[in-house]
C-alpha atoms as a PDB file:
ATOM      1  CA  MET A   1      -7.493 -19.896  -5.339  1.00  0.00           C
ATOM      2  CA  ILE A   2      -9.227 -18.412  -2.347  1.00  0.00           C
ATOM      3  CA  PRO A   3     -10.576 -14.848  -2.392  1.00  0.00           C
ATOM      4  CA  LEU A   4      -8.207 -13.040  -0.061  1.00  0.00           C
ATOM      5  CA  PHE A   5     -10.143 -10.051   1.182  1.00  0.00           C
ATOM      6  CA  PRO A   6     -12.995 -11.921   2.974  1.00  0.00           C
ATOM      7  CA  LEU A   7     -10.522 -14.366   4.442  1.00  0.00           C
ATOM      8  CA  LEU A   8      -8.253 -11.592   5.744  1.00  0.00           C
ATOM      9  CA  VAL A   9     -11.226  -9.691   7.178  1.00  0.00           C
ATOM     10  CA  LEU A  10     -12.301 -12.845   9.015  1.00  0.00           C
ATOM     11  CA  PHE A  11      -8.737 -13.469  10.215  1.00  0.00           C
ATOM     12  CA  TYR A  12      -8.409  -9.867  11.373  1.00  0.00           C
ATOM     13  CA  PHE A  13     -11.647  -9.906  13.391  1.00  0.00           C
ATOM     14  CA  VAL A  14     -10.950 -13.296  14.959  1.00  0.00           C
ATOM     15  CA  MET A  15      -7.423 -12.269  15.968  1.00  0.00           C
ATOM     16  CA  ARG A  16      -8.273  -8.619  16.737  1.00  0.00           C
ATOM     17  CA  ASP A  17      -6.876  -8.597  20.284  1.00  0.00           C
ATOM     18  CA  LYS A  18      -3.669 -10.429  19.318  1.00  0.00           C
ATOM     19  CA  MET A  19      -3.164  -8.821  15.914  1.00  0.00           C
ATOM     20  CA  SER A  20       0.126  -7.064  15.244  1.00  0.00           C
ATOM     21  CA  TRP A  21       1.687  -5.559  12.123  1.00  0.00           C
ATOM     22  CA  PRO A  22       4.086  -8.462  11.542  1.00  0.00           C
ATOM     23  CA  LEU A  23       1.305 -11.028  11.984  1.00  0.00           C
ATOM     24  CA  LEU A  24      -0.948  -9.236   9.498  1.00  0.00           C
ATOM     25  CA  ALA A  25       1.932  -8.910   7.012  1.00  0.00           C
ATOM     26  CA  LEU A  26       2.720 -12.602   7.412  1.00  0.00           C
ATOM     27  CA  ALA A  27      -0.907 -13.563   6.815  1.00  0.00           C
ATOM     28  CA  MET A  28      -1.111 -11.401   3.688  1.00  0.00           C
ATOM     29  CA  ALA A  29       2.155 -12.824   2.339  1.00  0.00           C
ATOM     30  CA  PHE A  30       1.119 -16.394   3.106  1.00  0.00           C
ATOM     31  CA  LEU A  31      -2.207 -16.003   1.325  1.00  0.00           C
ATOM     32  CA  GLY A  32      -1.151 -13.787  -1.586  1.00  0.00           C
ATOM     33  CA  TRP A  33       1.922 -15.468  -3.048  1.00  0.00           C
ATOM     34  CA  SER A  34       0.072 -17.787  -5.432  1.00  0.00           C
ATOM     35  CA  TYR A  35      -1.119 -14.999  -7.749  1.00  0.00           C
ATOM     36  CA  ASP A  36       2.423 -13.776  -8.369  1.00  0.00           C
ATOM     37  CA  ALA A  37       3.813 -17.292  -8.633  1.00  0.00           C
ATOM     38  CA  ARG A  38       1.356 -18.121 -11.424  1.00  0.00           C
ATOM     39  CA  LEU A  39       2.326 -15.007 -13.368  1.00  0.00           C
ATOM     40  CA  ILE A  40       6.077 -15.556 -13.037  1.00  0.00           C
ATOM     41  CA  ARG A  41       5.724 -19.264 -13.841  1.00  0.00           C
ATOM     42  CA  SER A  42       3.784 -18.500 -17.011  1.00  0.00           C
ATOM     43  CA  VAL A  43       6.507 -16.105 -18.172  1.00  0.00           C
ATOM     44  CA  ALA A  44       9.212 -18.654 -17.391  1.00  0.00           C
ATOM     45  CA  MET A  45       7.329 -21.375 -19.270  1.00  0.00           C
ATOM     46  CA  SER A  46       6.945 -19.155 -22.324  1.00  0.00           C
ATOM     47  CA  LEU A  47      10.667 -18.340 -22.251  1.00  0.00           C
ATOM     48  CA  LYS A  48      11.477 -22.035 -22.125  1.00  0.00           C
ATOM     49  CA  SER A  49       9.901 -22.631 -25.530  1.00  0.00           C
ATOM     50  CA  ARG A  50      11.432 -19.650 -27.352  1.00  0.00           C
ATOM     51  CA  GLU A  51      14.092 -20.017 -30.008  1.00  0.00           C
ATOM     52  CA  PHE A  52      16.849 -18.172 -28.151  1.00  0.00           C
ATOM     53  CA  THR A  53      16.553 -20.644 -25.266  1.00  0.00           C
ATOM     54  CA  GLN A  54      16.883 -23.609 -27.610  1.00  0.00           C
ATOM     55  CA  GLN A  55      19.837 -21.915 -29.302  1.00  0.00           C
ATOM     56  CA  SER A  56      21.480 -21.385 -25.906  1.00  0.00           C
ATOM     57  CA  VAL A  57      21.049 -25.077 -25.057  1.00  0.00           C
ATOM     58  CA  PHE A  58      22.490 -26.164 -28.398  1.00  0.00           C
ATOM     59  CA  SER A  59      25.465 -23.822 -28.001  1.00  0.00           C
ATOM     60  CA  GLY A  60      26.383 -25.581 -24.753  1.00  0.00           C
ATOM     61  CA  MET A  61      25.326 -23.077 -22.090  1.00  0.00           C
ATOM     62  CA  ARG A  62      24.588 -24.463 -18.646  1.00  0.00           C
ATOM     63  CA  THR A  63      21.095 -24.117 -17.188  1.00  0.00           C
ATOM     64  CA  SER A  64      22.245 -21.546 -14.624  1.00  0.00           C
ATOM     65  CA  GLU A  65      23.822 -19.439 -17.377  1.00  0.00           C
ATOM     66  CA  ILE A  66      20.641 -19.580 -19.443  1.00  0.00           C
ATOM     67  CA  VAL A  67      18.540 -18.519 -16.485  1.00  0.00           C
ATOM     68  CA  LEU A  68      20.838 -15.667 -15.433  1.00  0.00           C
ATOM     69  CA  GLN A  69      21.814 -14.316 -18.846  1.00  0.00           C
ATOM     70  CA  GLU A  70      18.820 -15.053 -21.045  1.00  0.00           C
ATOM     71  CA  HIS A  71      15.715 -15.355 -18.863  1.00  0.00           C
ATOM     72  CA  LEU A  72      16.389 -12.993 -15.967  1.00  0.00           C
ATOM     73  CA  PRO A  73      16.105  -9.805 -18.072  1.00  0.00           C
ATOM     74  CA  TYR A  74      12.566 -10.851 -19.011  1.00  0.00           C
ATOM     75  CA  VAL A  75      11.461 -12.009 -15.554  1.00  0.00           C
ATOM     76  CA  LEU A  76      13.000  -9.263 -13.383  1.00  0.00           C
ATOM     77  CA  PRO A  77      10.666  -6.420 -14.497  1.00  0.00           C
ATOM     78  CA  ILE A  78       7.663  -8.615 -13.725  1.00  0.00           C
ATOM     79  CA  VAL A  79       9.055  -9.400 -10.278  1.00  0.00           C
ATOM     80  CA  PHE A  80       9.559  -5.672  -9.612  1.00  0.00           C
ATOM     81  CA  TYR A  81       6.066  -4.885 -10.881  1.00  0.00           C
ATOM     82  CA  THR A  82       4.421  -7.525  -8.696  1.00  0.00           C
ATOM     83  CA  THR A  83       6.440  -6.333  -5.692  1.00  0.00           C
ATOM     84  CA  MET A  84       5.258  -2.747  -6.160  1.00  0.00           C
ATOM     85  CA  ASN A  85       1.702  -3.922  -6.808  1.00  0.00           C
ATOM     86  CA  ASN A  86       1.766  -6.008  -3.618  1.00  0.00           C
ATOM     87  CA  MET A  87       2.966  -3.015  -1.611  1.00  0.00           C
ATOM     88  CA  ASN A  88       0.079  -0.901  -2.902  1.00  0.00           C
ATOM     89  CA  TRP A  89      -2.364  -3.746  -2.264  1.00  0.00           C
ATOM     90  CA  SER A  90      -1.046  -4.252   1.284  1.00  0.00           C
ATOM     91  CA  ILE A  91      -1.339  -0.572   2.147  1.00  0.00           C
ATOM     92  CA  GLY A  92      -4.884  -0.410   0.814  1.00  0.00           C
ATOM     93  CA  LEU A  93      -5.877  -3.597   2.604  1.00  0.00           C
ATOM     94  CA  GLU A  94      -4.428  -2.426   5.905  1.00  0.00           C
ATOM     95  CA  VAL A  95      -6.287   0.877   5.630  1.00  0.00           C
ATOM     96  CA  THR A  96      -9.505  -0.990   4.823  1.00  0.00           C
ATOM     97  CA  LEU A  97      -9.069  -3.335   7.778  1.00  0.00           C
ATOM     98  CA  SER A  98      -8.311  -0.388  10.074  1.00  0.00           C
ATOM     99  CA  VAL A  99     -11.466   1.409   8.963  1.00  0.00           C
ATOM    100  CA  LEU A 100     -13.572  -1.724   9.404  1.00  0.00           C
ATOM    101  CA  ALA A 101     -12.119  -2.408  12.839  1.00  0.00           C
ATOM    102  CA  SER A 102     -12.566   1.096  14.220  1.00  0.00           C
ATOM    103  CA  PRO A 103     -15.679   1.597  16.321  1.00  0.00           C
ATOM    104  CA  ILE A 104     -18.347   3.742  14.752  1.00  0.00           C
ATOM    105  CA  SER A 105     -18.762   6.874  16.807  1.00  0.00           C
ATOM    106  CA  THR A 106     -22.025   8.735  16.875  1.00  0.00           C
ATOM    107  CA  PRO A 107     -22.017  12.482  17.358  1.00  0.00           C
ATOM    108  CA  ARG A 108     -22.996  13.579  20.840  1.00  0.00           C
ATOM    109  CA  PRO A 109     -25.686  16.168  21.183  1.00  0.00           C
ATOM    110  CA  SER A 110     -24.327  19.464  22.382  1.00  0.00           C
ATOM    111  CA  GLY A 111     -25.930  21.129  25.273  1.00  0.00           C
END
């Protein structure tokens, strides 16, 4: 996994003249999905080995029914949490990149 902040700072300064909001959002989404995917995959893998999943299989439920009825109530709060966390992270990162990209102004002497 690549550290995202230095890579996004580099991307932002290289593409400064052509940077737009959708391009920055696309870059953040393209680089940040793996963290959430690992978390959701680990929850799904733990649900796979639980007793209620095995009981559902033995009772004759289809895979889609197991996923929708048994696993989704456990996975959905994590998806919502990661979505909200990503929104906060994106806002903070955009503010940080805006501050870093703004020219430093020195106070002019009055007189």
